[in-house]
Amino acid sequence: MEKDLEKRIDEILTRGVAEVIDKENLKKKLLAGEKIRVKLGTDPTSPNLHLGRAVVLLKLKDLQDLGHQIVLIVGDFTGVIGDTSDKESERPMLEVEVVKKNLATYKDQAGKILDMEKVEFHYNSEWLSKLGYAEIGEHADQFSLAEFSARKNIKKRLKEGKRISLREVLYPLMQGYDSVAIKAGLELGGTDQRFNLLAGRELQKHFKQDVQNILMVNLIEGTDGRKMSSSWGNTINIMDELNDMFGKVMSMPDDLIIKYFVHCTRIPMEMVAQKEAEMKSNALNPRDAKMELAFEITKIYHGEAKAQEAKEYFVNTFSEKKTPENISEIKIEKDEIKLSEFLVLAKVADSISDARRKIEQGGVEINGEKISDYKIVLNKDNSGNIIKSGKINFIKIVF
């Protein structure tokens, strides 16, 4: 039993993990069965949580299954300020109403992975909105400007002569104070959050608390091979429709297959190693491996039966190039609609700009003909037309 526990803990501390601070201390606490308050903060910069963010949610689930207290903080206050830890330029401040709209379903989305009845849930405006200049000055006194400017992307921006606002300097203080407010024993985040995560330790030290350990997960690439980012439209979202999720996984580069098995599924690592060896020896076709991967990911968010349904749908509509028999219909109650608006209405695009990108990149067809003009308007003459978005999304438009 003890060996099984140690194996589970070792996997938590290594699977998809870039760095742990302080690893020996954390492992000792985990092995001793000490109940740890595990913190994750997430800012509502977009309405959708994607698989890049789900990497750390899966890690939280592993810790929750061991009986630790998960504390999920939605940054309704920090979201307005904006974190530029991973940005090449200053991130604009978000409007309060945009933040409210984006965070509306965060709890439901996290619930796709975590048992939310056991999660301690907070908005960080609970404590950050009450701070004044005296407290902020006290927090700021724990850090030097040199420490902030030494960060990789900040140093790069300074060298290029790009603007860095004082607002950006405040962000790590706010994320760090979140750890003080909830007395975190462990904080999780991506590698781009290193400075912000360490800020929590410094502020806890100042307030005479036990300092939190830190576990940083690797960042993953999106469907186009770049870092997964909502602003680039290369995300696979937790709330994506069944077939869209499966199809997005199938469309990503082959060199990401193993990385996704490690970070985005929970199949045993022994099986992941076996698949990697088989792919290297050409015993496993990348397409077949990707099919397994798409099934495993879709299963997490939609269940096994639905994942099997998505697999069959993909084989029929893409591999065998058949148009599905049961195509969903969307009835338009006005005389005309822009194609870009229709894609958003059909939920195959996240926004008008995302729809435009899909059209211009050749990902949209009407009755089998590729469309490249995002300004095209559909009207009653198009009633009954089959619109295909991506590889497997078919929708009939009816006026």
Protein backbone atom coordinates (compact mmCIF):
# COMPACT_ATOMS: atom_id res chain seq x y z
CA MET A 1 0.00 0.00 0.00
CA GLU A 2 2.83 2.39 0.93
CA LYS A 3 4.65 1.55 -2.31
CA ASP A 4 1.47 2.24 -4.31
CA LEU A 5 1.09 5.62 -2.58
CA GLU A 6 4.71 6.52 -3.25
CA LYS A 7 4.30 5.58 -6.91
CA ARG A 8 1.23 7.83 -7.21
CA ILE A 9 3.07 10.68 -5.52
CA ASP A 10 6.15 10.25 -7.73
CA GLU A 11 3.92 10.47 -10.81
CA ILE A 12 2.24 13.62 -9.49
CA LEU A 13 5.67 15.19 -8.98
CA THR A 14 7.04 14.20 -12.41
CA ARG A 15 4.28 13.71 -15.00
CA GLY A 16 4.22 16.84 -17.15
CA VAL A 17 6.14 18.70 -14.46
CA ALA A 18 8.90 21.20 -15.24
CA GLU A 19 9.99 22.14 -11.73
CA VAL A 20 9.05 21.61 -8.07
CA ILE A 21 10.04 23.96 -5.22
CA ASP A 22 10.74 22.47 -2.61
CA LYS A 23 10.41 18.90 -3.94
CA GLU A 24 11.84 17.05 -0.91
CA ASN A 25 9.65 19.00 1.50
CA LEU A 26 6.54 18.49 -0.61
CA LYS A 27 7.12 14.75 -1.09
CA LYS A 28 7.67 14.33 2.65
CA LYS A 29 4.34 16.01 3.40
CA LEU A 30 2.50 13.99 0.76
CA LEU A 31 3.93 10.69 2.03
CA ALA A 32 3.05 11.63 5.63
CA GLY A 33 -0.57 12.12 4.61
CA GLU A 34 -0.56 15.74 5.74
CA LYS A 35 -3.61 17.48 4.27
CA ILE A 36 -2.31 20.27 2.06
CA ARG A 37 -4.17 23.37 0.89
CA VAL A 38 -3.49 23.31 -2.85
CA LYS A 39 -3.99 26.60 -4.67
CA LEU A 40 -4.68 27.34 -8.31
CA GLY A 41 -5.52 30.80 -9.57
CA THR A 42 -6.92 31.44 -13.02
CA ASP A 43 -7.81 34.75 -14.66
CA PRO A 44 -10.96 35.00 -16.82
CA THR A 45 -9.20 36.42 -19.89
CA SER A 46 -11.49 34.40 -22.17
CA PRO A 47 -14.83 32.60 -21.68
CA ASN A 48 -13.30 29.17 -22.30
CA LEU A 49 -10.86 27.04 -20.33
CA HIS A 50 -8.73 25.10 -22.80
CA LEU A 51 -6.59 21.97 -22.55
CA GLY A 52 -3.52 24.07 -21.77
CA ARG A 53 -5.21 25.15 -18.55
CA ALA A 54 -6.64 21.68 -18.02
CA VAL A 55 -3.10 20.29 -17.62
CA VAL A 56 -2.95 21.81 -14.16
CA LEU A 57 -6.60 20.94 -13.43
CA LEU A 58 -5.78 17.27 -14.03
CA LYS A 59 -2.87 17.62 -11.62
CA LEU A 60 -5.28 19.11 -9.07
CA LYS A 61 -7.57 16.11 -9.59
CA ASP A 62 -4.65 13.77 -8.81
CA LEU A 63 -4.08 15.65 -5.54
CA GLN A 64 -7.79 15.80 -4.76
CA ASP A 65 -7.99 12.02 -5.15
CA LEU A 66 -5.31 11.75 -2.45
CA GLY A 67 -7.51 13.75 -0.08
CA HIS A 68 -5.91 17.19 -0.29
CA GLN A 69 -7.94 20.42 -0.15
CA ILE A 70 -8.15 22.11 -3.53
CA VAL A 71 -8.58 25.90 -3.39
CA LEU A 72 -9.61 27.37 -6.74
CA ILE A 73 -9.31 31.14 -7.10
CA VAL A 74 -10.88 32.93 -10.05
CA GLY A 75 -9.10 36.23 -10.57
CA ASP A 76 -12.01 38.57 -11.09
CA PHE A 77 -9.78 41.33 -9.66
CA THR A 78 -6.42 40.32 -11.18
CA GLY A 79 -8.20 39.66 -14.48
CA VAL A 80 -9.02 43.35 -14.78
CA ILE A 81 -5.37 44.28 -14.13
CA GLY A 82 -3.89 41.68 -16.51
CA ASP A 83 -0.84 39.44 -16.29
CA THR A 84 1.81 39.83 -19.00
CA SER A 85 4.07 37.02 -17.74
CA ASP A 86 3.94 35.22 -21.08
CA LYS A 87 3.28 38.20 -23.35
CA GLU A 88 5.56 40.04 -25.75
CA SER A 89 3.75 43.32 -25.07
CA GLU A 90 1.60 44.99 -22.46
CA ARG A 91 -1.77 43.29 -21.99
CA PRO A 92 -4.65 45.81 -22.06
CA MET A 93 -6.83 46.13 -18.97
CA LEU A 94 -10.08 44.22 -19.35
CA GLU A 95 -13.44 45.86 -18.77
CA VAL A 96 -15.19 44.66 -15.60
CA GLU A 97 -18.20 43.51 -17.62
CA VAL A 98 -15.99 41.44 -19.94
CA VAL A 99 -14.41 39.74 -16.92
CA LYS A 100 -17.84 38.98 -15.45
CA LYS A 101 -19.02 37.49 -18.75
CA ASN A 102 -15.87 35.38 -19.14
CA LEU A 103 -15.95 33.90 -15.64
CA ALA A 104 -19.65 33.02 -15.72
CA THR A 105 -19.08 29.32 -16.47
CA TYR A 106 -15.60 28.77 -15.01
CA LYS A 107 -16.91 26.75 -12.09
CA ASP A 108 -18.89 24.47 -14.42
CA GLN A 109 -15.88 24.03 -16.68
CA ALA A 110 -13.56 23.15 -13.79
CA GLY A 111 -16.26 20.70 -12.69
CA LYS A 112 -15.58 18.65 -15.82
CA ILE A 113 -12.43 17.49 -14.03
CA LEU A 114 -12.70 18.32 -10.32
CA ASP A 115 -15.29 17.31 -7.73
CA MET A 116 -16.49 20.86 -7.12
CA GLU A 117 -18.44 19.87 -4.00
CA LYS A 118 -15.07 19.32 -2.31
CA VAL A 119 -13.37 22.40 -3.80
CA GLU A 120 -12.96 25.63 -1.83
CA PHE A 121 -13.86 28.35 -4.34
CA HIS A 122 -12.99 32.05 -4.17
CA TYR A 123 -12.95 35.24 -6.23
CA ASN A 124 -9.83 37.22 -5.32
CA SER A 125 -11.75 40.49 -5.17
CA GLU A 126 -12.81 39.20 -1.73
CA TRP A 127 -9.49 40.41 -0.32
CA LEU A 128 -7.71 42.40 -3.04
CA SER A 129 -10.46 45.00 -3.42
CA LYS A 130 -10.08 45.90 0.26
CA LEU A 131 -6.37 46.77 0.08
CA GLY A 132 -5.22 50.39 0.14
CA TYR A 133 -1.95 52.18 -0.59
CA ALA A 134 -0.55 51.35 2.85
CA GLU A 135 -0.94 47.58 2.35
CA ILE A 136 0.17 47.67 -1.30
CA GLY A 137 3.26 49.63 -0.31
CA GLU A 138 4.04 47.06 2.38
CA HIS A 139 3.74 44.23 -0.13
CA ALA A 140 5.82 46.05 -2.76
CA ASP A 141 8.60 46.61 -0.24
CA GLN A 142 9.34 42.87 -0.29
CA PHE A 143 10.57 43.01 -3.90
CA SER A 144 13.09 45.00 -5.90
CA LEU A 145 12.64 46.47 -9.35
CA ALA A 146 15.75 44.55 -10.42
CA GLU A 147 14.04 41.24 -9.55
CA PHE A 148 11.02 42.15 -11.67
CA SER A 149 13.03 43.40 -14.65
CA ALA A 150 15.24 40.28 -14.63
CA ARG A 151 12.30 38.17 -15.88
CA LYS A 152 12.96 36.86 -19.38
CA ASN A 153 10.12 38.55 -21.27
CA ILE A 154 10.40 41.80 -19.29
CA LYS A 155 14.13 41.97 -20.02
CA LYS A 156 13.39 41.35 -23.71
CA ARG A 157 10.79 44.12 -23.83
CA LEU A 158 13.10 46.56 -22.07
CA LYS A 159 15.87 45.78 -24.55
CA GLU A 160 13.45 46.37 -27.46
CA GLY A 161 12.31 49.64 -25.94
CA LYS A 162 8.72 48.48 -25.45
CA ARG A 163 6.54 50.08 -22.80
CA ILE A 164 6.18 48.39 -19.41
CA SER A 165 3.53 49.90 -17.18
CA LEU A 166 3.80 50.10 -13.39
CA ARG A 167 0.52 48.21 -13.34
CA GLU A 168 2.39 45.14 -14.57
CA VAL A 169 4.77 45.39 -11.62
CA LEU A 170 1.77 45.09 -9.27
CA TYR A 171 0.42 41.83 -10.70
CA PRO A 172 2.86 39.44 -8.95
CA LEU A 173 2.07 41.18 -5.65
CA MET A 174 -1.62 40.43 -6.10
CA GLN A 175 -1.11 36.80 -7.08
CA GLY A 176 1.31 36.42 -4.19
CA TYR A 177 -1.13 37.90 -1.72
CA ASP A 178 -3.76 35.37 -2.85
CA SER A 179 -1.51 32.72 -1.28
CA VAL A 180 -1.40 34.68 1.98
CA ALA A 181 -5.17 35.14 2.00
CA ILE A 182 -5.96 31.44 1.71
CA LYS A 183 -2.84 30.15 3.54
CA ALA A 184 -1.71 28.01 0.60
CA GLY A 185 0.60 25.06 1.25
CA LEU A 186 1.15 24.31 -2.43
CA GLU A 187 0.54 26.42 -5.53
CA LEU A 188 0.33 25.08 -9.08
CA GLY A 189 0.94 26.96 -12.29
CA GLY A 190 2.67 26.98 -15.66
CA THR A 191 6.36 27.68 -16.18
CA ASP A 192 5.50 31.20 -17.35
CA GLN A 193 4.21 31.91 -13.82
CA ARG A 194 7.49 31.24 -11.98
CA PHE A 195 8.05 34.78 -10.70
CA ASN A 196 4.41 35.16 -9.63
CA LEU A 197 4.48 31.79 -7.83
CA LEU A 198 7.65 32.70 -5.97
CA ALA A 199 6.05 36.02 -4.97
CA GLY A 200 3.60 33.99 -2.89
CA ARG A 201 6.45 32.47 -0.92
CA GLU A 202 8.01 35.88 -0.26
CA LEU A 203 4.79 37.42 0.99
CA GLN A 204 3.95 34.39 3.13
CA LYS A 205 7.41 34.69 4.68
CA HIS A 206 6.73 38.38 5.41
CA PHE A 207 3.41 37.53 7.07
CA LYS A 208 5.04 34.78 9.17
CA GLN A 209 3.22 31.95 7.41
CA ASP A 210 4.69 28.61 6.37
CA VAL A 211 5.83 29.16 2.80
CA GLN A 212 4.04 27.29 0.03
CA ASN A 213 5.70 24.70 -2.14
CA ILE A 214 5.40 25.21 -5.89
CA LEU A 215 4.70 22.77 -8.71
CA MET A 216 5.11 24.08 -12.26
CA VAL A 217 3.69 22.19 -15.23
CA ASN A 218 4.90 22.40 -18.81
CA LEU A 219 3.07 24.59 -21.29
CA ILE A 220 1.56 22.76 -24.25
CA GLU A 221 1.23 23.75 -27.87
CA GLY A 222 -2.08 24.24 -29.62
CA THR A 223 -3.44 22.73 -32.82
CA ASP A 224 -1.06 24.80 -34.98
CA GLY A 225 2.10 23.94 -33.03
CA ARG A 226 2.35 27.32 -31.27
CA LYS A 227 1.67 27.75 -27.55
CA MET A 228 -2.02 27.12 -26.91
CA SER A 229 -3.65 30.53 -26.58
CA SER A 230 -7.20 31.81 -26.92
CA SER A 231 -5.89 34.92 -28.68
CA TRP A 232 -4.41 32.73 -31.44
CA GLY A 233 -7.52 30.59 -31.88
CA ASN A 234 -5.49 27.35 -31.67
CA THR A 235 -7.21 25.97 -28.58
CA ILE A 236 -9.07 22.78 -27.77
CA ASN A 237 -11.61 23.97 -25.22
CA ILE A 238 -13.00 21.97 -22.30
CA MET A 239 -16.53 22.87 -23.42
CA ASP A 240 -15.99 22.14 -27.13
CA GLU A 241 -18.75 20.19 -28.79
CA LEU A 242 -18.08 16.45 -28.93
CA ASN A 243 -17.11 16.03 -32.59
CA ASP A 244 -15.28 19.35 -32.70
CA MET A 245 -13.05 18.31 -29.80
CA PHE A 246 -12.23 14.95 -31.41
CA GLY A 247 -11.55 16.58 -34.77
CA LYS A 248 -9.27 19.25 -33.31
CA VAL A 249 -7.08 16.59 -31.69
CA MET A 250 -6.90 14.74 -35.00
CA SER A 251 -5.80 17.91 -36.79
CA MET A 252 -2.78 18.71 -34.62
CA PRO A 253 0.86 17.95 -35.59
CA ASP A 254 2.10 14.37 -35.10
CA ASP A 255 5.04 15.51 -32.96
CA LEU A 256 2.63 16.57 -30.20
CA ILE A 257 0.99 13.15 -29.77
CA ILE A 258 3.17 11.86 -26.92
CA LYS A 259 3.22 15.24 -25.18
CA TYR A 260 -0.59 15.27 -25.19
CA PHE A 261 -0.77 11.69 -23.88
CA VAL A 262 1.43 12.79 -20.97
CA HIS A 263 -0.22 16.12 -20.19
CA CYS A 264 -3.83 15.80 -21.33
CA THR A 265 -4.77 12.20 -20.46
CA ARG A 266 -4.35 9.94 -17.47
CA ILE A 267 -3.50 6.67 -19.18
CA PRO A 268 -0.61 5.00 -17.30
CA MET A 269 2.84 6.37 -18.10
CA GLU A 270 4.00 2.82 -18.90
CA MET A 271 1.49 2.78 -21.76
CA VAL A 272 2.64 6.23 -22.93
CA ALA A 273 6.25 5.01 -23.02
CA GLN A 274 5.16 1.94 -24.99
CA LYS A 275 3.30 4.07 -27.55
CA GLU A 276 6.33 6.34 -27.93
CA ALA A 277 8.59 3.33 -28.56
CA GLU A 278 6.13 1.85 -31.07
CA MET A 279 5.88 5.15 -32.96
CA LYS A 280 9.67 5.48 -33.11
CA SER A 281 9.97 1.96 -34.54
CA ASN A 282 7.05 2.58 -36.96
CA ALA A 283 5.07 -0.22 -35.29
CA LEU A 284 2.33 2.31 -34.49
CA ASN A 285 1.00 4.62 -37.19
CA PRO A 286 0.78 8.25 -35.94
CA ARG A 287 -2.78 8.48 -37.24
CA ASP A 288 -3.84 5.46 -35.17
CA ALA A 289 -2.03 6.84 -32.11
CA LYS A 290 -3.78 10.16 -32.60
CA MET A 291 -7.12 8.38 -32.86
CA GLU A 292 -6.46 6.77 -29.46
CA LEU A 293 -5.41 10.15 -28.09
CA ALA A 294 -8.54 11.89 -29.37
CA PHE A 295 -10.65 9.14 -27.80
CA GLU A 296 -8.92 9.45 -24.39
CA ILE A 297 -9.22 13.25 -24.31
CA THR A 298 -12.84 13.29 -25.46
CA LYS A 299 -13.66 10.60 -22.88
CA ILE A 300 -12.54 12.87 -20.02
CA TYR A 301 -14.95 15.65 -20.98
CA HIS A 302 -17.84 13.79 -22.63
CA GLY A 303 -17.72 10.24 -21.28
CA GLU A 304 -16.66 6.95 -22.88
CA ALA A 305 -19.86 6.31 -24.85
CA LYS A 306 -19.81 9.76 -26.44
CA ALA A 307 -16.09 9.45 -27.18
CA GLN A 308 -16.79 6.23 -29.10
CA GLU A 309 -19.58 8.01 -30.95
CA ALA A 310 -17.17 10.81 -31.92
CA LYS A 311 -14.61 8.28 -33.11
CA GLU A 312 -17.16 6.58 -35.38
CA TYR A 313 -18.34 9.96 -36.66
CA PHE A 314 -14.77 10.94 -37.53
CA VAL A 315 -14.06 7.67 -39.34
CA ASN A 316 -17.27 7.99 -41.38
CA THR A 317 -17.00 11.68 -42.23
CA PHE A 318 -13.27 12.10 -42.72
CA SER A 319 -11.53 8.77 -43.23
CA GLU A 320 -14.28 7.44 -45.52
CA LYS A 321 -15.25 10.94 -46.74
CA LYS A 322 -18.96 10.45 -46.17
CA THR A 323 -21.38 13.22 -45.39
CA PRO A 324 -23.18 12.29 -42.16
CA GLU A 325 -26.82 11.24 -42.43
CA ASN A 326 -28.00 13.13 -39.35
CA ILE A 327 -26.79 16.69 -39.83
CA SER A 328 -27.89 19.30 -37.34
CA GLU A 329 -30.01 22.11 -38.74
CA ILE A 330 -29.99 25.74 -37.75
CA LYS A 331 -33.00 27.81 -38.73
CA ILE A 332 -32.39 31.49 -39.41
CA GLU A 333 -35.29 33.75 -38.45
CA LYS A 334 -34.23 36.69 -40.63
CA ASP A 335 -33.74 37.22 -44.36
CA GLU A 336 -29.94 36.98 -44.38
CA ILE A 337 -26.91 36.34 -42.18
CA LYS A 338 -23.17 36.75 -42.66
CA LEU A 339 -21.29 33.46 -42.94
CA SER A 340 -19.01 34.52 -40.07
CA GLU A 341 -22.05 35.19 -37.84
CA PHE A 342 -23.52 31.83 -38.78
CA LEU A 343 -20.37 29.98 -37.73
CA VAL A 344 -20.53 31.63 -34.31
CA LEU A 345 -24.27 30.87 -34.06
CA ALA A 346 -23.51 27.23 -34.96
CA LYS A 347 -20.84 27.16 -32.22
CA VAL A 348 -18.07 26.09 -34.57
CA ALA A 349 -16.27 29.41 -34.05
CA ASP A 350 -15.64 31.19 -30.75
CA SER A 351 -16.02 34.71 -32.17
CA ILE A 352 -16.40 36.68 -35.39
CA SER A 353 -12.62 37.07 -35.62
CA ASP A 354 -12.19 33.30 -35.08
CA ALA A 355 -14.78 32.65 -37.83
CA ARG A 356 -12.98 35.02 -40.19
CA ARG A 357 -9.70 33.21 -39.51
CA LYS A 358 -11.28 29.81 -40.25
CA ILE A 359 -12.75 31.09 -43.53
CA GLU A 360 -9.57 32.81 -44.72
CA GLN A 361 -7.49 29.73 -43.91
CA GLY A 362 -9.70 27.57 -46.13
CA GLY A 363 -11.44 25.68 -43.34
CA VAL A 364 -15.03 26.38 -44.44
CA GLU A 365 -17.01 24.86 -47.32
CA ILE A 366 -20.53 25.36 -48.65
CA ASN A 367 -21.88 22.30 -50.50
CA GLY A 368 -18.32 21.02 -50.93
CA GLU A 369 -16.91 24.30 -52.29
CA LYS A 370 -14.24 26.10 -50.24
CA ILE A 371 -15.10 29.65 -49.27
CA SER A 372 -12.37 32.24 -48.77
CA ASP A 373 -14.42 35.45 -48.53
CA TYR A 374 -15.37 36.07 -44.90
CA LYS A 375 -17.78 38.83 -45.97
CA ILE A 376 -20.10 36.44 -47.81
CA VAL A 377 -23.78 36.77 -46.89
CA LEU A 378 -26.18 33.82 -46.80
CA ASN A 379 -29.86 34.26 -47.68
CA LYS A 380 -32.94 32.25 -48.64
CA ASP A 381 -31.20 31.07 -51.81
CA ASN A 382 -28.83 29.16 -49.49
CA SER A 383 -31.60 27.41 -47.58
CA GLY A 384 -30.77 23.71 -47.31
CA ASN A 385 -27.06 24.23 -48.03
CA ILE A 386 -24.57 22.11 -46.10
CA ILE A 387 -21.86 24.17 -44.43
CA LYS A 388 -18.74 22.33 -43.35
CA SER A 389 -16.33 23.87 -40.86
CA GLY A 390 -13.06 22.08 -40.18
CA LYS A 391 -12.83 18.40 -40.94
CA ILE A 392 -15.97 17.02 -39.37
CA ASN A 393 -18.48 19.76 -38.55
CA PHE A 394 -21.48 19.73 -40.90
CA ILE A 395 -24.45 22.07 -40.42
CA LYS A 396 -27.50 22.60 -42.62
CA ILE A 397 -28.71 26.19 -42.85
CA VAL A 398 -32.45 26.69 -43.20
CA PHE A 399 -34.28 29.96 -43.75
